[in-house]
Amino acid sequence: MCSFYRGTIESIITGCITVWCGGCTACSQKTLQRIVNAARKIIGAPLRSLANILHTRLTRRAISIVEDNSHPSHPDFSLLPSGPPPPDCQTALSSRLSGC
């Protein structure tokens, strides 16, 4: 059953989620999540949430665009520097957090 879910339902959701969730209302997202929850209950195994599926799909898509120099959207993406933030950003962040 789990293979059937991953092969049919999750593949359809994954293939179309970037289009669906961009224009989905909260009610529509709840409906899609109910489909995933119903499948989880039927299968009896833990399944990825709709938010997790969306995050994974968007991350993989962004990485493929960054790695493909011929992609039309490639110039729109730039990798952020890794490591700790500059001191002025850390000061701003700590002052915002202390005000909470």
N, C-alpha and C. Protein backbone atom coordinates (compact mmCIF):
# COMPACT_ATOMS: atom_id res chain seq x y z
N MET A 1 0.82 -1.20 0.00
CA MET A 1 0.00 0.00 0.00
C MET A 1 0.87 1.26 0.00
N CYS A 2 1.94 1.20 0.76
CA CYS A 2 2.82 2.37 0.84
C CYS A 2 3.45 2.65 -0.52
N SER A 3 3.83 1.61 -1.24
CA SER A 3 4.40 1.78 -2.57
C SER A 3 3.37 2.37 -3.53
N PHE A 4 2.12 1.94 -3.41
CA PHE A 4 1.05 2.48 -4.24
C PHE A 4 0.86 3.97 -3.95
N TYR A 5 0.83 4.33 -2.66
CA TYR A 5 0.67 5.74 -2.30
C TYR A 5 1.80 6.58 -2.87
N ARG A 6 3.03 6.14 -2.64
CA ARG A 6 4.18 6.92 -3.12
C ARG A 6 4.23 6.97 -4.64
N GLY A 7 3.81 5.91 -5.30
CA GLY A 7 3.87 5.86 -6.74
C GLY A 7 2.75 6.62 -7.44
N THR A 8 1.60 6.76 -6.80
CA THR A 8 0.49 7.42 -7.46
C THR A 8 0.14 8.75 -6.80
N ILE A 9 -0.37 8.68 -5.59
CA ILE A 9 -0.89 9.90 -4.95
C ILE A 9 0.22 10.90 -4.67
N GLU A 10 1.31 10.45 -4.04
CA GLU A 10 2.38 11.40 -3.70
C GLU A 10 3.08 11.92 -4.96
N SER A 11 3.18 11.10 -6.00
CA SER A 11 3.82 11.59 -7.23
C SER A 11 2.96 12.66 -7.90
N ILE A 12 1.65 12.52 -7.85
CA ILE A 12 0.76 13.55 -8.41
C ILE A 12 0.85 14.82 -7.58
N ILE A 13 0.80 14.67 -6.26
CA ILE A 13 0.91 15.84 -5.38
C ILE A 13 2.25 16.53 -5.59
N THR A 14 3.32 15.77 -5.64
CA THR A 14 4.66 16.34 -5.80
C THR A 14 4.81 17.03 -7.14
N GLY A 15 4.27 16.45 -8.19
CA GLY A 15 4.39 17.03 -9.52
C GLY A 15 3.63 18.33 -9.69
N CYS A 16 2.54 18.49 -8.96
CA CYS A 16 1.68 19.66 -9.15
C CYS A 16 1.68 20.63 -7.97
N ILE A 17 2.39 20.31 -6.91
CA ILE A 17 2.28 21.09 -5.68
C ILE A 17 2.77 22.52 -5.83
N THR A 18 3.77 22.73 -6.67
CA THR A 18 4.28 24.09 -6.82
C THR A 18 3.23 24.99 -7.48
N VAL A 19 2.39 24.43 -8.32
CA VAL A 19 1.31 25.19 -8.94
C VAL A 19 0.13 25.32 -7.97
N TRP A 20 -0.23 24.23 -7.34
CA TRP A 20 -1.39 24.23 -6.45
C TRP A 20 -1.20 25.15 -5.26
N CYS A 21 -0.10 25.00 -4.55
CA CYS A 21 0.07 25.73 -3.29
C CYS A 21 0.33 27.21 -3.51
N GLY A 22 0.77 27.59 -4.70
CA GLY A 22 0.97 29.00 -4.97
C GLY A 22 -0.34 29.77 -4.97
N GLY A 23 -1.41 29.15 -5.44
CA GLY A 23 -2.71 29.82 -5.51
C GLY A 23 -3.76 29.20 -4.62
N CYS A 24 -3.36 28.31 -3.72
CA CYS A 24 -4.31 27.63 -2.83
C CYS A 24 -4.79 28.55 -1.72
N THR A 25 -6.04 28.41 -1.41
CA THR A 25 -6.55 29.05 -0.21
C THR A 25 -6.25 28.13 0.96
N ALA A 26 -6.43 28.64 2.16
CA ALA A 26 -6.20 27.81 3.35
C ALA A 26 -7.14 26.61 3.35
N CYS A 27 -8.36 26.82 2.87
CA CYS A 27 -9.34 25.73 2.81
C CYS A 27 -8.87 24.64 1.85
N SER A 28 -8.33 25.03 0.71
CA SER A 28 -7.83 24.05 -0.27
C SER A 28 -6.64 23.28 0.27
N GLN A 29 -5.75 23.97 0.99
CA GLN A 29 -4.59 23.28 1.58
C GLN A 29 -5.05 22.28 2.63
N LYS A 30 -6.07 22.64 3.41
CA LYS A 30 -6.60 21.70 4.40
C LYS A 30 -7.19 20.48 3.72
N THR A 31 -7.85 20.68 2.58
CA THR A 31 -8.43 19.56 1.85
C THR A 31 -7.35 18.63 1.34
N LEU A 32 -6.28 19.19 0.78
CA LEU A 32 -5.16 18.36 0.33
C LEU A 32 -4.51 17.62 1.49
N GLN A 33 -4.37 18.29 2.64
CA GLN A 33 -3.79 17.64 3.81
C GLN A 33 -4.70 16.52 4.31
N ARG A 34 -6.02 16.70 4.20
CA ARG A 34 -6.94 15.64 4.60
C ARG A 34 -6.77 14.40 3.72
N ILE A 35 -6.47 14.61 2.42
CA ILE A 35 -6.23 13.47 1.53
C ILE A 35 -5.01 12.70 2.00
N VAL A 36 -3.94 13.42 2.34
CA VAL A 36 -2.72 12.78 2.84
C VAL A 36 -3.01 12.06 4.16
N ASN A 37 -3.77 12.70 5.05
CA ASN A 37 -4.09 12.08 6.34
C ASN A 37 -4.96 10.83 6.15
N ALA A 38 -5.91 10.87 5.22
CA ALA A 38 -6.75 9.69 4.96
C ALA A 38 -5.90 8.55 4.43
N ALA A 39 -4.97 8.86 3.54
CA ALA A 39 -4.08 7.81 3.02
C ALA A 39 -3.22 7.24 4.14
N ARG A 40 -2.77 8.10 5.06
CA ARG A 40 -1.95 7.64 6.18
C ARG A 40 -2.73 6.66 7.05
N LYS A 41 -4.01 6.98 7.30
CA LYS A 41 -4.85 6.10 8.12
C LYS A 41 -5.11 4.77 7.41
N ILE A 42 -5.34 4.82 6.11
CA ILE A 42 -5.60 3.59 5.35
C ILE A 42 -4.36 2.71 5.31
N ILE A 43 -3.22 3.33 5.03
CA ILE A 43 -1.97 2.57 4.91
C ILE A 43 -1.47 2.10 6.27
N GLY A 44 -1.65 2.93 7.28
CA GLY A 44 -1.18 2.59 8.61
C GLY A 44 0.30 2.84 8.80
N ALA A 45 0.85 3.75 8.00
CA ALA A 45 2.28 4.09 8.09
C ALA A 45 2.41 5.61 8.09
N PRO A 46 3.45 6.13 8.72
CA PRO A 46 3.63 7.58 8.71
C PRO A 46 3.98 8.07 7.31
N LEU A 47 3.36 9.17 6.91
CA LEU A 47 3.61 9.78 5.60
C LEU A 47 4.03 11.22 5.79
N ARG A 48 4.70 11.76 4.78
CA ARG A 48 5.14 13.15 4.84
C ARG A 48 3.94 14.09 4.75
N SER A 49 4.01 15.19 5.49
CA SER A 49 2.94 16.18 5.44
C SER A 49 3.01 16.95 4.14
N LEU A 50 1.94 17.66 3.85
CA LEU A 50 1.89 18.47 2.63
C LEU A 50 2.96 19.56 2.66
N ALA A 51 3.18 20.16 3.82
CA ALA A 51 4.22 21.20 3.94
C ALA A 51 5.61 20.61 3.69
N ASN A 52 5.84 19.39 4.17
CA ASN A 52 7.13 18.73 3.96
C ASN A 52 7.33 18.40 2.49
N ILE A 53 6.28 17.94 1.82
CA ILE A 53 6.36 17.63 0.39
C ILE A 53 6.67 18.91 -0.39
N LEU A 54 5.99 20.01 -0.05
CA LEU A 54 6.23 21.28 -0.73
C LEU A 54 7.65 21.77 -0.52
N HIS A 55 8.14 21.71 0.71
CA HIS A 55 9.49 22.17 1.02
C HIS A 55 10.54 21.37 0.24
N THR A 56 10.38 20.06 0.22
CA THR A 56 11.32 19.20 -0.50
C THR A 56 11.29 19.50 -1.99
N ARG A 57 10.10 19.66 -2.54
CA ARG A 57 9.96 19.92 -3.98
C ARG A 57 10.59 21.26 -4.36
N LEU A 58 10.32 22.30 -3.58
CA LEU A 58 10.86 23.61 -3.90
C LEU A 58 12.38 23.65 -3.74
N THR A 59 12.89 22.96 -2.72
CA THR A 59 14.34 22.91 -2.51
C THR A 59 15.03 22.20 -3.67
N ARG A 60 14.50 21.06 -4.08
CA ARG A 60 15.10 20.33 -5.19
C ARG A 60 15.03 21.13 -6.48
N ARG A 61 13.92 21.82 -6.70
CA ARG A 61 13.77 22.62 -7.92
C ARG A 61 14.77 23.77 -7.93
N ALA A 62 14.92 24.45 -6.80
CA ALA A 62 15.86 25.57 -6.72
C ALA A 62 17.30 25.09 -6.95
N ILE A 63 17.65 23.95 -6.37
CA ILE A 63 19.01 23.41 -6.55
C ILE A 63 19.25 23.06 -8.01
N SER A 64 18.25 22.49 -8.67
CA SER A 64 18.45 22.14 -10.08
C SER A 64 18.59 23.38 -10.95
N ILE A 65 17.90 24.46 -10.62
CA ILE A 65 18.05 25.72 -11.37
C ILE A 65 19.43 26.31 -11.14
N VAL A 66 19.91 26.29 -9.90
CA VAL A 66 21.23 26.84 -9.59
C VAL A 66 22.32 26.06 -10.32
N GLU A 67 22.17 24.74 -10.42
CA GLU A 67 23.20 23.91 -11.05
C GLU A 67 23.16 23.95 -12.57
N ASP A 68 22.04 24.38 -13.16
CA ASP A 68 21.90 24.39 -14.62
C ASP A 68 22.12 25.80 -15.16
N ASN A 69 23.31 26.04 -15.71
CA ASN A 69 23.65 27.37 -16.23
C ASN A 69 22.79 27.79 -17.41
N SER A 70 22.21 26.83 -18.13
CA SER A 70 21.40 27.17 -19.30
C SER A 70 19.94 27.45 -18.97
N HIS A 71 19.55 27.25 -17.71
CA HIS A 71 18.16 27.50 -17.31
C HIS A 71 17.87 29.00 -17.36
N PRO A 72 16.71 29.41 -17.90
CA PRO A 72 16.40 30.84 -18.01
C PRO A 72 16.37 31.58 -16.67
N SER A 73 16.05 30.88 -15.59
CA SER A 73 15.97 31.52 -14.28
C SER A 73 17.28 31.45 -13.50
N HIS A 74 18.30 30.86 -14.09
CA HIS A 74 19.58 30.70 -13.39
C HIS A 74 20.15 32.03 -12.86
N PRO A 75 20.12 33.13 -13.63
CA PRO A 75 20.67 34.38 -13.11
C PRO A 75 19.90 34.94 -11.90
N ASP A 76 18.65 34.50 -11.72
CA ASP A 76 17.84 35.00 -10.61
C ASP A 76 18.24 34.39 -9.27
N PHE A 77 18.99 33.30 -9.31
CA PHE A 77 19.38 32.60 -8.10
C PHE A 77 20.85 32.88 -7.79
N SER A 78 21.13 33.12 -6.54
CA SER A 78 22.51 33.22 -6.10
C SER A 78 22.61 32.57 -4.73
N LEU A 79 23.66 31.83 -4.51
CA LEU A 79 23.84 31.16 -3.23
C LEU A 79 24.24 32.17 -2.16
N LEU A 80 23.68 32.00 -0.99
CA LEU A 80 24.03 32.86 0.13
C LEU A 80 25.33 32.40 0.75
N PRO A 81 26.11 33.31 1.29
CA PRO A 81 27.37 32.89 1.92
C PRO A 81 27.08 32.07 3.18
N SER A 82 27.93 31.10 3.42
CA SER A 82 27.76 30.29 4.62
C SER A 82 28.61 30.87 5.75
N GLY A 83 28.32 30.45 6.94
CA GLY A 83 29.07 30.94 8.10
C GLY A 83 28.24 31.87 8.95
N PRO A 84 28.83 32.39 10.01
CA PRO A 84 28.07 33.27 10.91
C PRO A 84 27.75 34.61 10.22
N PRO A 85 26.66 35.24 10.63
CA PRO A 85 26.31 36.52 10.03
C PRO A 85 27.30 37.61 10.44
N PRO A 86 27.37 38.68 9.67
CA PRO A 86 28.25 39.79 10.05
C PRO A 86 27.84 40.35 11.40
N PRO A 87 28.76 41.00 12.11
CA PRO A 87 28.48 41.49 13.46
C PRO A 87 27.27 42.43 13.52
N ASP A 88 27.09 43.30 12.54
CA ASP A 88 25.98 44.23 12.60
C ASP A 88 24.64 43.51 12.51
N CYS A 89 24.57 42.40 11.77
CA CYS A 89 23.34 41.62 11.69
C CYS A 89 23.07 40.90 13.01
N GLN A 90 24.11 40.40 13.65
CA GLN A 90 23.94 39.71 14.93
C GLN A 90 23.43 40.69 15.98
N THR A 91 23.92 41.92 15.99
CA THR A 91 23.50 42.91 16.96
C THR A 91 22.03 43.24 16.75
N ALA A 92 21.63 43.41 15.48
CA ALA A 92 20.23 43.72 15.18
C ALA A 92 19.33 42.57 15.60
N LEU A 93 19.75 41.33 15.33
CA LEU A 93 18.97 40.18 15.68
C LEU A 93 18.83 40.04 17.19
N SER A 94 19.92 40.20 17.93
CA SER A 94 19.84 40.05 19.37
C SER A 94 18.99 41.16 20.00
N SER A 95 19.03 42.37 19.44
CA SER A 95 18.21 43.44 20.00
C SER A 95 16.74 43.20 19.72
N ARG A 96 16.42 42.59 18.59
CA ARG A 96 15.01 42.25 18.30
C ARG A 96 14.52 41.15 19.21
N LEU A 97 15.38 40.15 19.45
CA LEU A 97 14.97 39.04 20.29
C LEU A 97 14.83 39.45 21.74
N SER A 98 15.65 40.38 22.21
CA SER A 98 15.56 40.79 23.60
C SER A 98 14.33 41.62 23.87
N GLY A 99 13.77 42.23 22.83
CA GLY A 99 12.57 43.05 22.99
C GLY A 99 11.31 42.23 23.07
N CYS A 100 11.38 40.92 22.80
CA CYS A 100 10.18 40.08 22.81
C CYS A 100 9.73 39.77 24.21
